[in-house]
Amino acid sequence: MQIPIDMLDPDTLRSVVENFITREGTDYGAHEVSLEAKIEQVMRQLRSGKAILVFDAEADSCNIITKP
């Protein structure tokens, strides 16, 4: 189920994004990217609709995916 990001408190959304980033262990290439920069990149994708926040009731977890 998709969760509209404007339905979440900004602090809660930031926590979900931060958890996603640290959980995925994303590799940003040869240049080190700060956690703040990574959070802002994901937030921009969520705001623009390029990525969406989804909730899986069976797994009782949230995830961020690119919009199909």
PDB file of N, CA and C in Angstrom:
ATOM      1  N   MET A   1       0.839  -1.156   0.000  1.00  0.00           N
ATOM      2  CA  MET A   1       0.000   0.000   0.000  1.00  0.00           C
ATOM      3  C   MET A   1       0.901   1.241   0.000  1.00  0.00           C
ATOM      4  N   GLN A   2       0.615   2.187  -0.878  1.00  0.00           N
ATOM      5  CA  GLN A   2       1.390   3.417  -0.945  1.00  0.00           C
ATOM      6  C   GLN A   2       0.974   4.365   0.180  1.00  0.00           C
ATOM      7  N   ILE A   3       1.952   5.010   0.793  1.00  0.00           N
ATOM      8  CA  ILE A   3       1.699   5.977   1.849  1.00  0.00           C
ATOM      9  C   ILE A   3       2.066   7.360   1.319  1.00  0.00           C
ATOM     10  N   PRO A   4       1.110   8.272   1.222  1.00  0.00           N
ATOM     11  CA  PRO A   4       1.442   9.637   0.800  1.00  0.00           C
ATOM     12  C   PRO A   4       2.378  10.282   1.827  1.00  0.00           C
ATOM     13  N   ILE A   5       3.481  10.850   1.371  1.00  0.00           N
ATOM     14  CA  ILE A   5       4.466  11.373   2.314  1.00  0.00           C
ATOM     15  C   ILE A   5       3.932  12.544   3.128  1.00  0.00           C
ATOM     16  N   ASP A   6       2.948  13.260   2.596  1.00  0.00           N
ATOM     17  CA  ASP A   6       2.403  14.390   3.353  1.00  0.00           C
ATOM     18  C   ASP A   6       1.490  13.935   4.497  1.00  0.00           C
ATOM     19  N   MET A   7       1.231  12.648   4.596  1.00  0.00           N
ATOM     20  CA  MET A   7       0.430  12.095   5.695  1.00  0.00           C
ATOM     21  C   MET A   7       1.294  11.846   6.938  1.00  0.00           C
ATOM     22  N   LEU A   8       2.614  11.886   6.760  1.00  0.00           N
ATOM     23  CA  LEU A   8       3.525  11.614   7.873  1.00  0.00           C
ATOM     24  C   LEU A   8       4.062  12.912   8.461  1.00  0.00           C
ATOM     25  N   ASP A   9       4.290  12.902   9.756  1.00  0.00           N
ATOM     26  CA  ASP A   9       4.985  13.987  10.415  1.00  0.00           C
ATOM     27  C   ASP A   9       6.389  14.093   9.787  1.00  0.00           C
ATOM     28  N   PRO A  10       6.910  15.291   9.552  1.00  0.00           N
ATOM     29  CA  PRO A  10       8.227  15.435   8.921  1.00  0.00           C
ATOM     30  C   PRO A  10       9.342  14.667   9.637  1.00  0.00           C
ATOM     31  N   ASP A  11       9.325  14.630  10.968  1.00  0.00           N
ATOM     32  CA  ASP A  11      10.345  13.880  11.709  1.00  0.00           C
ATOM     33  C   ASP A  11      10.212  12.380  11.476  1.00  0.00           C
ATOM     34  N   THR A  12       8.986  11.895  11.390  1.00  0.00           N
ATOM     35  CA  THR A  12       8.748  10.480  11.122  1.00  0.00           C
ATOM     36  C   THR A  12       9.224  10.122   9.718  1.00  0.00           C
ATOM     37  N   LEU A  13       8.900  10.961   8.745  1.00  0.00           N
ATOM     38  CA  LEU A  13       9.350  10.716   7.370  1.00  0.00           C
ATOM     39  C   LEU A  13      10.864  10.683   7.308  1.00  0.00           C
ATOM     40  N   ARG A  14      11.513  11.629   7.958  1.00  0.00           N
ATOM     41  CA  ARG A  14      12.975  11.663   7.958  1.00  0.00           C
ATOM     42  C   ARG A  14      13.535  10.374   8.570  1.00  0.00           C
ATOM     43  N   SER A  15      12.928   9.896   9.640  1.00  0.00           N
ATOM     44  CA  SER A  15      13.383   8.649  10.273  1.00  0.00           C
ATOM     45  C   SER A  15      13.233   7.460   9.332  1.00  0.00           C
ATOM     46  N   VAL A  16      12.121   7.416   8.609  1.00  0.00           N
ATOM     47  CA  VAL A  16      11.901   6.323   7.652  1.00  0.00           C
ATOM     48  C   VAL A  16      12.955   6.381   6.550  1.00  0.00           C
ATOM     49  N   VAL A  17      13.231   7.581   6.036  1.00  0.00           N
ATOM     50  CA  VAL A  17      14.233   7.743   4.971  1.00  0.00           C
ATOM     51  C   VAL A  17      15.615   7.364   5.489  1.00  0.00           C
ATOM     52  N   GLU A  18      15.964   7.822   6.675  1.00  0.00           N
ATOM     53  CA  GLU A  18      17.274   7.503   7.251  1.00  0.00           C
ATOM     54  C   GLU A  18      17.421   6.003   7.463  1.00  0.00           C
ATOM     55  N   ASN A  19      16.374   5.359   7.960  1.00  0.00           N
ATOM     56  CA  ASN A  19      16.408   3.910   8.146  1.00  0.00           C
ATOM     57  C   ASN A  19      16.594   3.198   6.815  1.00  0.00           C
ATOM     58  N   PHE A  20      15.897   3.659   5.791  1.00  0.00           N
ATOM     59  CA  PHE A  20      16.025   3.070   4.458  1.00  0.00           C
ATOM     60  C   PHE A  20      17.464   3.179   3.955  1.00  0.00           C
ATOM     61  N   ILE A  21      18.045   4.355   4.095  1.00  0.00           N
ATOM     62  CA  ILE A  21      19.404   4.581   3.593  1.00  0.00           C
ATOM     63  C   ILE A  21      20.411   3.700   4.315  1.00  0.00           C
ATOM     64  N   THR A  22      20.323   3.650   5.624  1.00  0.00           N
ATOM     65  CA  THR A  22      21.303   2.866   6.380  1.00  0.00           C
ATOM     66  C   THR A  22      21.055   1.368   6.237  1.00  0.00           C
ATOM     67  N   ARG A  23      19.826   0.980   6.005  1.00  0.00           N
ATOM     68  CA  ARG A  23      19.484  -0.437   5.829  1.00  0.00           C
ATOM     69  C   ARG A  23      19.987  -0.964   4.492  1.00  0.00           C
ATOM     70  N   GLU A  24      19.872  -0.153   3.463  1.00  0.00           N
ATOM     71  CA  GLU A  24      20.233  -0.597   2.119  1.00  0.00           C
ATOM     72  C   GLU A  24      21.738  -0.659   1.887  1.00  0.00           C
ATOM     73  N   GLY A  25      22.535   0.106   2.648  1.00  0.00           N
ATOM     74  CA  GLY A  25      23.975   0.112   2.424  1.00  0.00           C
ATOM     75  C   GLY A  25      24.317   0.595   1.027  1.00  0.00           C
ATOM     76  N   THR A  26      23.611   1.616   0.574  1.00  0.00           N
ATOM     77  CA  THR A  26      23.763   2.119  -0.784  1.00  0.00           C
ATOM     78  C   THR A  26      25.181   2.586  -1.059  1.00  0.00           C
ATOM     79  N   ASP A  27      25.707   2.233  -2.212  1.00  0.00           N
ATOM     80  CA  ASP A  27      27.025   2.657  -2.652  1.00  0.00           C
ATOM     81  C   ASP A  27      26.863   3.837  -3.602  1.00  0.00           C
ATOM     82  N   TYR A  28      27.469   4.955  -3.269  1.00  0.00           N
ATOM     83  CA  TYR A  28      27.343   6.151  -4.095  1.00  0.00           C
ATOM     84  C   TYR A  28      28.557   6.366  -4.991  1.00  0.00           C
ATOM     85  N   GLY A  29      29.372   5.346  -5.186  1.00  0.00           N
ATOM     86  CA  GLY A  29      30.490   5.454  -6.117  1.00  0.00           C
ATOM     87  C   GLY A  29      31.784   5.871  -5.437  1.00  0.00           C
ATOM     88  N   ALA A  30      32.658   6.498  -6.225  1.00  0.00           N
ATOM     89  CA  ALA A  30      34.006   6.834  -5.771  1.00  0.00           C
ATOM     90  C   ALA A  30      34.022   7.968  -4.761  1.00  0.00           C
ATOM     91  N   HIS A  31      33.002   8.801  -4.726  1.00  0.00           N
ATOM     92  CA  HIS A  31      32.968   9.947  -3.820  1.00  0.00           C
ATOM     93  C   HIS A  31      32.102   9.644  -2.602  1.00  0.00           C
ATOM     94  N   GLU A  32      32.653   9.997  -1.441  1.00  0.00           N
ATOM     95  CA  GLU A  32      31.897   9.821  -0.201  1.00  0.00           C
ATOM     96  C   GLU A  32      30.760  10.838  -0.157  1.00  0.00           C
ATOM     97  N   VAL A  33      29.570  10.383   0.223  1.00  0.00           N
ATOM     98  CA  VAL A  33      28.403  11.256   0.323  1.00  0.00           C
ATOM     99  C   VAL A  33      27.907  11.196   1.764  1.00  0.00           C
ATOM    100  N   SER A  34      27.681  12.368   2.360  1.00  0.00           N
ATOM    101  CA  SER A  34      27.243  12.418   3.757  1.00  0.00           C
ATOM    102  C   SER A  34      25.828  11.866   3.896  1.00  0.00           C
ATOM    103  N   LEU A  35      25.493  11.464   5.106  1.00  0.00           N
ATOM    104  CA  LEU A  35      24.146  10.975   5.379  1.00  0.00           C
ATOM    105  C   LEU A  35      23.120  12.058   5.070  1.00  0.00           C
ATOM    106  N   GLU A  36      23.420  13.299   5.434  1.00  0.00           N
ATOM    107  CA  GLU A  36      22.494  14.406   5.158  1.00  0.00           C
ATOM    108  C   GLU A  36      22.229  14.547   3.661  1.00  0.00           C
ATOM    109  N   ALA A  37      23.278  14.434   2.849  1.00  0.00           N
ATOM    110  CA  ALA A  37      23.121  14.543   1.390  1.00  0.00           C
ATOM    111  C   ALA A  37      22.283  13.384   0.856  1.00  0.00           C
ATOM    112  N   LYS A  38      22.501  12.197   1.384  1.00  0.00           N
ATOM    113  CA  LYS A  38      21.723  11.030   0.954  1.00  0.00           C
ATOM    114  C   LYS A  38      20.250  11.204   1.311  1.00  0.00           C
ATOM    115  N   ILE A  39      19.996  11.712   2.523  1.00  0.00           N
ATOM    116  CA  ILE A  39      18.615  11.936   2.955  1.00  0.00           C
ATOM    117  C   ILE A  39      17.947  12.938   2.023  1.00  0.00           C
ATOM    118  N   GLU A  40      18.634  14.024   1.715  1.00  0.00           N
ATOM    119  CA  GLU A  40      18.060  15.043   0.837  1.00  0.00           C
ATOM    120  C   GLU A  40      17.796  14.490  -0.564  1.00  0.00           C
ATOM    121  N   GLN A  41      18.685  13.636  -1.074  1.00  0.00           N
ATOM    122  CA  GLN A  41      18.482  13.029  -2.396  1.00  0.00           C
ATOM    123  C   GLN A  41      17.204  12.188  -2.407  1.00  0.00           C
ATOM    124  N   VAL A  42      17.014  11.370  -1.385  1.00  0.00           N
ATOM    125  CA  VAL A  42      15.822  10.519  -1.318  1.00  0.00           C
ATOM    126  C   VAL A  42      14.571  11.376  -1.120  1.00  0.00           C
ATOM    127  N   MET A  43      14.671  12.396  -0.278  1.00  0.00           N
ATOM    128  CA  MET A  43      13.519  13.278  -0.057  1.00  0.00           C
ATOM    129  C   MET A  43      13.112  13.972  -1.362  1.00  0.00           C
ATOM    130  N   ARG A  44      14.080  14.418  -2.153  1.00  0.00           N
ATOM    131  CA  ARG A  44      13.765  15.041  -3.454  1.00  0.00           C
ATOM    132  C   ARG A  44      13.041  14.051  -4.363  1.00  0.00           C
ATOM    133  N   GLN A  45      13.493  12.807  -4.368  1.00  0.00           N
ATOM    134  CA  GLN A  45      12.849  11.789  -5.200  1.00  0.00           C
ATOM    135  C   GLN A  45      11.427  11.527  -4.732  1.00  0.00           C
ATOM    136  N   LEU A  46      11.208  11.512  -3.426  1.00  0.00           N
ATOM    137  CA  LEU A  46       9.860  11.310  -2.890  1.00  0.00           C
ATOM    138  C   LEU A  46       8.959  12.495  -3.234  1.00  0.00           C
ATOM    139  N   ARG A  47       9.474  13.705  -3.062  1.00  0.00           N
ATOM    140  CA  ARG A  47       8.669  14.902  -3.356  1.00  0.00           C
ATOM    141  C   ARG A  47       8.318  15.005  -4.838  1.00  0.00           C
ATOM    142  N   SER A  48       9.248  14.598  -5.698  1.00  0.00           N
ATOM    143  CA  SER A  48       9.014  14.705  -7.140  1.00  0.00           C
ATOM    144  C   SER A  48       8.155  13.569  -7.685  1.00  0.00           C
ATOM    145  N   GLY A  49       7.968  12.520  -6.887  1.00  0.00           N
ATOM    146  CA  GLY A  49       7.179  11.377  -7.343  1.00  0.00           C
ATOM    147  C   GLY A  49       8.003  10.319  -8.048  1.00  0.00           C
ATOM    148  N   LYS A  50       9.319  10.499  -8.112  1.00  0.00           N
ATOM    149  CA  LYS A  50      10.175   9.487  -8.738  1.00  0.00           C
ATOM    150  C   LYS A  50      10.307   8.249  -7.863  1.00  0.00           C
ATOM    151  N   ALA A  51      10.080   8.430  -6.571  1.00  0.00           N
ATOM    152  CA  ALA A  51      10.093   7.324  -5.613  1.00  0.00           C
ATOM    153  C   ALA A  51       8.840   7.442  -4.761  1.00  0.00           C
ATOM    154  N   ILE A  52       8.413   6.304  -4.214  1.00  0.00           N
ATOM    155  CA  ILE A  52       7.227   6.299  -3.364  1.00  0.00           C
ATOM    156  C   ILE A  52       7.521   5.502  -2.088  1.00  0.00           C
ATOM    157  N   LEU A  53       6.764   5.842  -1.057  1.00  0.00           N
ATOM    158  CA  LEU A  53       6.848   5.143   0.217  1.00  0.00           C
ATOM    159  C   LEU A  53       5.724   4.120   0.255  1.00  0.00           C
ATOM    160  N   VAL A  54       6.080   2.869   0.551  1.00  0.00           N
ATOM    161  CA  VAL A  54       5.080   1.809   0.596  1.00  0.00           C
ATOM    162  C   VAL A  54       5.147   1.077   1.931  1.00  0.00           C
ATOM    163  N   PHE A  55       3.994   0.558   2.352  1.00  0.00           N
ATOM    164  CA  PHE A  55       3.902  -0.227   3.572  1.00  0.00           C
ATOM    165  C   PHE A  55       3.468  -1.635   3.213  1.00  0.00           C
ATOM    166  N   ASP A  56       4.201  -2.617   3.720  1.00  0.00           N
ATOM    167  CA  ASP A  56       3.872  -4.029   3.517  1.00  0.00           C
ATOM    168  C   ASP A  56       3.277  -4.550   4.829  1.00  0.00           C
ATOM    169  N   ALA A  57       1.967  -4.775   4.826  1.00  0.00           N
ATOM    170  CA  ALA A  57       1.277  -5.202   6.041  1.00  0.00           C
ATOM    171  C   ALA A  57       1.738  -6.581   6.502  1.00  0.00           C
ATOM    172  N   GLU A  58       2.043  -7.473   5.565  1.00  0.00           N
ATOM    173  CA  GLU A  58       2.488  -8.817   5.947  1.00  0.00           C
ATOM    174  C   GLU A  58       3.824  -8.774   6.658  1.00  0.00           C
ATOM    175  N   ALA A  59       4.735  -7.951   6.156  1.00  0.00           N
ATOM    176  CA  ALA A  59       6.064  -7.832   6.765  1.00  0.00           C
ATOM    177  C   ALA A  59       6.092  -6.772   7.860  1.00  0.00           C
ATOM    178  N   ASP A  60       5.010  -5.983   7.957  1.00  0.00           N
ATOM    179  CA  ASP A  60       4.916  -4.893   8.924  1.00  0.00           C
ATOM    180  C   ASP A  60       6.118  -3.960   8.797  1.00  0.00           C
ATOM    181  N   SER A  61       6.388  -3.530   7.544  1.00  0.00           N
ATOM    182  CA  SER A  61       7.545  -2.675   7.303  1.00  0.00           C
ATOM    183  C   SER A  61       7.273  -1.683   6.168  1.00  0.00           C
ATOM    184  N   CYS A  62       8.044  -0.604   6.197  1.00  0.00           N
ATOM    185  CA  CYS A  62       7.982   0.406   5.141  1.00  0.00           C
ATOM    186  C   CYS A  62       9.187   0.246   4.233  1.00  0.00           C
ATOM    187  N   ASN A  63       9.010   0.657   2.985  1.00  0.00           N
ATOM    188  CA  ASN A  63      10.119   0.647   2.048  1.00  0.00           C
ATOM    189  C   ASN A  63       9.936   1.810   1.094  1.00  0.00           C
ATOM    190  N   ILE A  64      11.003   2.201   0.440  1.00  0.00           N
ATOM    191  CA  ILE A  64      10.977   3.234  -0.575  1.00  0.00           C
ATOM    192  C   ILE A  64      11.375   2.583  -1.882  1.00  0.00           C
ATOM    193  N   ILE A  65      10.545   2.768  -2.886  1.00  0.00           N
ATOM    194  CA  ILE A  65      10.824   2.164  -4.186  1.00  0.00           C
ATOM    195  C   ILE A  65      10.699   3.223  -5.276  1.00  0.00           C
ATOM    196  N   THR A  66      11.357   2.971  -6.405  1.00  0.00           N
ATOM    197  CA  THR A  66      11.161   3.854  -7.532  1.00  0.00           C
ATOM    198  C   THR A  66       9.762   3.618  -8.087  1.00  0.00           C
ATOM    199  N   LYS A  67       9.171   4.694  -8.531  1.00  0.00           N
ATOM    200  CA  LYS A  67       7.793   4.597  -9.015  1.00  0.00           C
ATOM    201  C   LYS A  67       7.760   3.774 -10.293  1.00  0.00           C
ATOM    202  N   PRO A  68       6.862   2.775 -10.336  1.00  0.00           N
ATOM    203  CA  PRO A  68       6.771   1.913 -11.524  1.00  0.00           C
ATOM    204  C   PRO A  68       6.195   2.656 -12.718  1.00  0.00           C
TER     205      PRO A  68
END
